[in-house]
Amino acid sequence: MGQYLLKFGKKRNWDDLGLAWLPRGAIQADPATDLRISSGKLSVWWIEEDRSNIDLVILALASSRQHLEKIEFGLFEDTIPGQIGIKVAEEVGVSPVPSVNHYHRNFIEMTTDQLTTLVNSIFFNISKSRKLKPEITKLLTSEWGNKIDVGNVKPDLRSEIENEIQLPG
């Protein structure tokens, strides 16, 4: 049994804020706005039970961005989508890290009911984390030209990383 990694737009949206106006056990709507669903699909990454591939997945996410910036994400049990009727498709990811793209998945044919149920099912148990910009910079510079296909990196990010590599110590 593994987990799914869900990239957040804003990790703060997934915090239990204990708002006075929320009934006990209710969740504010903010997490639903953070999920980037397009054509009924939600992009996630499958993480091995021992989490041995998590750094590679973070590398794929970081190298797919426009600029060097932090990455915020959450991990939740991979059994949840099936339990709530969400179909999972193994669709090869498109990232500059070819060796990890096979870990990409899409939750497909999602309805608003499934979206709400997903948020309700994972909100209180999702393991939230972030990699700050210095960690992302170190990860990208250490794998630049190795695991990363530099030719598939967006020009702005490529320029930022190449500048980092050329800076002394």
C-alpha atoms as a PDB file:
ATOM      1  CA  MET A   1       0.000   0.000   0.000  1.00  0.00           C
ATOM      2  CA  GLY A   2       1.385   3.383  -0.967  1.00  0.00           C
ATOM      3  CA  GLN A   3       0.232   6.943  -0.898  1.00  0.00           C
ATOM      4  CA  TYR A   4      -0.713   9.632  -3.336  1.00  0.00           C
ATOM      5  CA  LEU A   5       1.111  12.932  -3.440  1.00  0.00           C
ATOM      6  CA  LEU A   6      -1.120  15.909  -4.136  1.00  0.00           C
ATOM      7  CA  LYS A   7       0.613  19.185  -4.997  1.00  0.00           C
ATOM      8  CA  PHE A   8      -0.997  22.111  -3.223  1.00  0.00           C
ATOM      9  CA  GLY A   9      -1.398  25.603  -4.548  1.00  0.00           C
ATOM     10  CA  LYS A  10      -1.373  26.822  -0.937  1.00  0.00           C
ATOM     11  CA  LYS A  11      -0.697  24.445   1.955  1.00  0.00           C
ATOM     12  CA  ARG A  12      -2.434  26.922   4.249  1.00  0.00           C
ATOM     13  CA  ASN A  13      -5.749  26.015   2.573  1.00  0.00           C
ATOM     14  CA  TRP A  14      -5.391  22.572   4.165  1.00  0.00           C
ATOM     15  CA  ASP A  15      -4.953  23.793   7.728  1.00  0.00           C
ATOM     16  CA  ASP A  16      -7.734  23.225  10.232  1.00  0.00           C
ATOM     17  CA  LEU A  17      -8.271  26.828  11.240  1.00  0.00           C
ATOM     18  CA  GLY A  18     -10.899  26.142  13.894  1.00  0.00           C
ATOM     19  CA  LEU A  19     -13.068  28.946  12.568  1.00  0.00           C
ATOM     20  CA  ALA A  20     -15.843  29.949  14.932  1.00  0.00           C
ATOM     21  CA  TRP A  21     -18.495  29.920  12.200  1.00  0.00           C
ATOM     22  CA  LEU A  22     -17.747  26.318  11.142  1.00  0.00           C
ATOM     23  CA  PRO A  23     -19.871  23.597  12.728  1.00  0.00           C
ATOM     24  CA  ARG A  24     -17.809  20.994  14.625  1.00  0.00           C
ATOM     25  CA  GLY A  25     -16.213  18.531  12.186  1.00  0.00           C
ATOM     26  CA  ALA A  26     -16.989  20.710   9.141  1.00  0.00           C
ATOM     27  CA  ILE A  27     -14.307  21.802   6.695  1.00  0.00           C
ATOM     28  CA  GLN A  28     -14.039  25.247   5.147  1.00  0.00           C
ATOM     29  CA  ALA A  29     -14.301  25.239   1.331  1.00  0.00           C
ATOM     30  CA  ASP A  30     -10.725  26.438   0.741  1.00  0.00           C
ATOM     31  CA  PRO A  31      -9.160  22.995   0.119  1.00  0.00           C
ATOM     32  CA  ALA A  32     -11.537  22.383  -2.795  1.00  0.00           C
ATOM     33  CA  THR A  33     -10.359  25.604  -4.451  1.00  0.00           C
ATOM     34  CA  ASP A  34      -6.780  24.385  -4.166  1.00  0.00           C
ATOM     35  CA  LEU A  35      -7.332  21.285  -6.300  1.00  0.00           C
ATOM     36  CA  ARG A  36      -6.563  21.941  -9.933  1.00  0.00           C
ATOM     37  CA  ILE A  37      -9.126  19.833 -11.766  1.00  0.00           C
ATOM     38  CA  SER A  38      -9.356  20.104 -15.526  1.00  0.00           C
ATOM     39  CA  SER A  39     -11.740  18.134 -17.732  1.00  0.00           C
ATOM     40  CA  GLY A  40     -12.705  16.034 -14.721  1.00  0.00           C
ATOM     41  CA  LYS A  41      -9.062  15.033 -14.034  1.00  0.00           C
ATOM     42  CA  LEU A  42      -6.942  15.587 -10.950  1.00  0.00           C
ATOM     43  CA  SER A  43      -3.202  15.011 -11.308  1.00  0.00           C
ATOM     44  CA  VAL A  44      -1.466  13.108  -8.485  1.00  0.00           C
ATOM     45  CA  TRP A  45       1.701  11.069  -8.074  1.00  0.00           C
ATOM     46  CA  TRP A  46       1.910   7.597  -6.575  1.00  0.00           C
ATOM     47  CA  ILE A  47       4.425   7.224  -3.758  1.00  0.00           C
ATOM     48  CA  GLU A  48       5.930   3.878  -2.776  1.00  0.00           C
ATOM     49  CA  GLU A  49       5.053   2.557   0.683  1.00  0.00           C
ATOM     50  CA  ASP A  50       8.642   3.132   1.848  1.00  0.00           C
ATOM     51  CA  ARG A  51       8.592   6.602   0.224  1.00  0.00           C
ATOM     52  CA  SER A  52      11.734   5.726  -1.715  1.00  0.00           C
ATOM     53  CA  ASN A  53      10.517   7.676  -4.768  1.00  0.00           C
ATOM     54  CA  ILE A  54       9.303  10.843  -3.059  1.00  0.00           C
ATOM     55  CA  ASP A  55      12.444  12.892  -3.778  1.00  0.00           C
ATOM     56  CA  LEU A  56      12.271  11.910  -7.453  1.00  0.00           C
ATOM     57  CA  VAL A  57       8.617  12.972  -7.627  1.00  0.00           C
ATOM     58  CA  ILE A  58       9.495  16.297  -5.959  1.00  0.00           C
ATOM     59  CA  LEU A  59      12.302  16.647  -8.502  1.00  0.00           C
ATOM     60  CA  ALA A  60       9.802  16.066 -11.335  1.00  0.00           C
ATOM     61  CA  LEU A  61       7.410  18.663  -9.920  1.00  0.00           C
ATOM     62  CA  ALA A  62      10.166  21.215  -9.277  1.00  0.00           C
ATOM     63  CA  SER A  63      11.723  20.812 -12.721  1.00  0.00           C
ATOM     64  CA  SER A  64       8.327  21.289 -14.378  1.00  0.00           C
ATOM     65  CA  ARG A  65       7.765  24.760 -12.967  1.00  0.00           C
ATOM     66  CA  GLN A  66       8.363  28.153 -14.530  1.00  0.00           C
ATOM     67  CA  HIS A  67      10.563  29.432 -11.669  1.00  0.00           C
ATOM     68  CA  LEU A  68      12.492  28.270  -8.634  1.00  0.00           C
ATOM     69  CA  GLU A  69      10.003  28.229  -5.779  1.00  0.00           C
ATOM     70  CA  LYS A  70       8.833  26.163  -2.841  1.00  0.00           C
ATOM     71  CA  ILE A  71       6.657  23.109  -3.363  1.00  0.00           C
ATOM     72  CA  GLU A  72       3.821  22.356  -0.980  1.00  0.00           C
ATOM     73  CA  PHE A  73       2.156  18.968  -1.016  1.00  0.00           C
ATOM     74  CA  GLY A  74       0.192  16.418   0.935  1.00  0.00           C
ATOM     75  CA  LEU A  75       0.291  12.642   1.168  1.00  0.00           C
ATOM     76  CA  PHE A  76      -2.760  10.448   1.675  1.00  0.00           C
ATOM     77  CA  GLU A  77      -3.490   6.726   1.543  1.00  0.00           C
ATOM     78  CA  ASP A  78      -3.818   5.274  -1.953  1.00  0.00           C
ATOM     79  CA  THR A  79      -6.883   3.239  -0.960  1.00  0.00           C
ATOM     80  CA  ILE A  80      -9.094   6.315  -0.490  1.00  0.00           C
ATOM     81  CA  PRO A  81      -9.974   7.044  -4.146  1.00  0.00           C
ATOM     82  CA  GLY A  82     -11.251   3.491  -4.705  1.00  0.00           C
ATOM     83  CA  GLN A  83     -13.240   3.587  -1.478  1.00  0.00           C
ATOM     84  CA  ILE A  84     -15.133   6.664  -2.659  1.00  0.00           C
ATOM     85  CA  GLY A  85     -15.620   5.599  -6.278  1.00  0.00           C
ATOM     86  CA  ILE A  86     -12.929   7.683  -7.952  1.00  0.00           C
ATOM     87  CA  LYS A  87     -11.359   6.061 -11.009  1.00  0.00           C
ATOM     88  CA  VAL A  88      -7.569   6.141 -11.157  1.00  0.00           C
ATOM     89  CA  ALA A  89      -5.773   6.101 -14.501  1.00  0.00           C
ATOM     90  CA  GLU A  90      -2.079   5.317 -14.816  1.00  0.00           C
ATOM     91  CA  GLU A  91      -1.140   8.060 -17.237  1.00  0.00           C
ATOM     92  CA  VAL A  92       2.541   8.716 -17.800  1.00  0.00           C
ATOM     93  CA  GLY A  93       3.512  12.135 -16.511  1.00  0.00           C
ATOM     94  CA  VAL A  94       5.130  14.831 -18.565  1.00  0.00           C
ATOM     95  CA  SER A  95       8.123  16.133 -16.662  1.00  0.00           C
ATOM     96  CA  PRO A  96      11.810  16.686 -17.376  1.00  0.00           C
ATOM     97  CA  VAL A  97      12.573  13.628 -15.214  1.00  0.00           C
ATOM     98  CA  PRO A  98      11.760  10.668 -17.489  1.00  0.00           C
ATOM     99  CA  SER A  99      12.665   8.050 -14.882  1.00  0.00           C
ATOM    100  CA  VAL A 100       9.810   9.117 -12.615  1.00  0.00           C
ATOM    101  CA  ASN A 101       6.989   9.883 -15.070  1.00  0.00           C
ATOM    102  CA  HIS A 102       5.521   6.384 -14.698  1.00  0.00           C
ATOM    103  CA  TYR A 103       4.506   7.264 -11.115  1.00  0.00           C
ATOM    104  CA  HIS A 104       2.010   9.823 -12.364  1.00  0.00           C
ATOM    105  CA  ARG A 105      -1.720   9.119 -12.022  1.00  0.00           C
ATOM    106  CA  ASN A 106      -4.911  10.968 -12.824  1.00  0.00           C
ATOM    107  CA  PHE A 107      -8.136  10.719 -10.903  1.00  0.00           C
ATOM    108  CA  ILE A 108     -10.554  10.759 -13.824  1.00  0.00           C
ATOM    109  CA  GLU A 109     -14.207  11.432 -14.554  1.00  0.00           C
ATOM    110  CA  MET A 110     -14.509  13.298 -11.280  1.00  0.00           C
ATOM    111  CA  THR A 111     -17.810  14.824 -10.237  1.00  0.00           C
ATOM    112  CA  THR A 112     -18.362  17.613  -7.736  1.00  0.00           C
ATOM    113  CA  ASP A 113     -19.739  15.012  -5.320  1.00  0.00           C
ATOM    114  CA  GLN A 114     -16.511  12.985  -5.618  1.00  0.00           C
ATOM    115  CA  LEU A 115     -14.429  16.127  -5.174  1.00  0.00           C
ATOM    116  CA  THR A 116     -16.294  16.994  -1.975  1.00  0.00           C
ATOM    117  CA  THR A 117     -16.036  13.429  -0.701  1.00  0.00           C
ATOM    118  CA  LEU A 118     -12.306  13.352  -1.489  1.00  0.00           C
ATOM    119  CA  VAL A 119     -11.677  16.571   0.448  1.00  0.00           C
ATOM    120  CA  ASN A 120     -13.775  15.291   3.366  1.00  0.00           C
ATOM    121  CA  SER A 121     -11.958  11.935   3.299  1.00  0.00           C
ATOM    122  CA  ILE A 122      -8.416  13.286   3.339  1.00  0.00           C
ATOM    123  CA  PHE A 123      -8.599  16.673   5.085  1.00  0.00           C
ATOM    124  CA  PHE A 124      -8.012  15.584   8.681  1.00  0.00           C
ATOM    125  CA  ASN A 125      -5.517  12.825   7.815  1.00  0.00           C
ATOM    126  CA  ILE A 126      -3.437  14.284   5.005  1.00  0.00           C
ATOM    127  CA  SER A 127       0.252  14.566   5.826  1.00  0.00           C
ATOM    128  CA  LYS A 128       1.184  18.106   4.773  1.00  0.00           C
ATOM    129  CA  SER A 129       4.692  19.113   3.865  1.00  0.00           C
ATOM    130  CA  ARG A 130       6.730  21.616   1.918  1.00  0.00           C
ATOM    131  CA  LYS A 131      10.136  21.897   0.375  1.00  0.00           C
ATOM    132  CA  LEU A 132      11.404  25.455   0.607  1.00  0.00           C
ATOM    133  CA  LYS A 133      13.161  27.254  -2.221  1.00  0.00           C
ATOM    134  CA  PRO A 134      16.708  26.519  -0.914  1.00  0.00           C
ATOM    135  CA  GLU A 135      15.880  22.787  -0.715  1.00  0.00           C
ATOM    136  CA  ILE A 136      14.402  22.845  -4.219  1.00  0.00           C
ATOM    137  CA  THR A 137      17.437  24.725  -5.537  1.00  0.00           C
ATOM    138  CA  LYS A 138      19.802  22.155  -4.008  1.00  0.00           C
ATOM    139  CA  LEU A 139      17.742  19.261  -5.372  1.00  0.00           C
ATOM    140  CA  LEU A 140      17.618  20.709  -8.897  1.00  0.00           C
ATOM    141  CA  THR A 141      21.289  21.711  -9.051  1.00  0.00           C
ATOM    142  CA  SER A 142      22.411  18.292  -7.774  1.00  0.00           C
ATOM    143  CA  GLU A 143      20.506  16.464 -10.521  1.00  0.00           C
ATOM    144  CA  TRP A 144      20.975  19.015 -13.321  1.00  0.00           C
ATOM    145  CA  GLY A 145      21.924  17.115 -16.461  1.00  0.00           C
ATOM    146  CA  ASN A 146      21.780  13.784 -14.609  1.00  0.00           C
ATOM    147  CA  LYS A 147      18.200  12.756 -13.902  1.00  0.00           C
ATOM    148  CA  ILE A 148      16.800  15.979 -15.358  1.00  0.00           C
ATOM    149  CA  ASP A 149      16.422  16.288 -19.132  1.00  0.00           C
ATOM    150  CA  VAL A 150      17.570  19.916 -19.254  1.00  0.00           C
ATOM    151  CA  GLY A 151      16.174  20.405 -22.767  1.00  0.00           C
ATOM    152  CA  ASN A 152      12.637  19.938 -21.407  1.00  0.00           C
ATOM    153  CA  VAL A 153      12.976  22.510 -18.622  1.00  0.00           C
ATOM    154  CA  LYS A 154      11.163  25.824 -19.114  1.00  0.00           C
ATOM    155  CA  PRO A 155      13.547  28.631 -20.167  1.00  0.00           C
ATOM    156  CA  ASP A 156      13.093  30.832 -17.080  1.00  0.00           C
ATOM    157  CA  LEU A 157      13.755  27.968 -14.679  1.00  0.00           C
ATOM    158  CA  ARG A 158      16.678  26.755 -16.789  1.00  0.00           C
ATOM    159  CA  SER A 159      18.241  30.220 -16.598  1.00  0.00           C
ATOM    160  CA  GLU A 160      17.735  30.420 -12.824  1.00  0.00           C
ATOM    161  CA  ILE A 161      19.300  26.992 -12.238  1.00  0.00           C
ATOM    162  CA  GLU A 162      22.236  27.644 -14.553  1.00  0.00           C
ATOM    163  CA  ASN A 163      22.886  30.901 -12.688  1.00  0.00           C
ATOM    164  CA  GLU A 164      22.833  28.992  -9.382  1.00  0.00           C
ATOM    165  CA  ILE A 165      25.300  26.416 -10.713  1.00  0.00           C
ATOM    166  CA  GLN A 166      27.726  29.156 -11.809  1.00  0.00           C
ATOM    167  CA  LEU A 167      27.666  30.994  -8.472  1.00  0.00           C
ATOM    168  CA  PRO A 168      30.721  30.328  -6.315  1.00  0.00           C
ATOM    169  CA  GLY A 169      30.272  28.093  -3.233  1.00  0.00           C
END
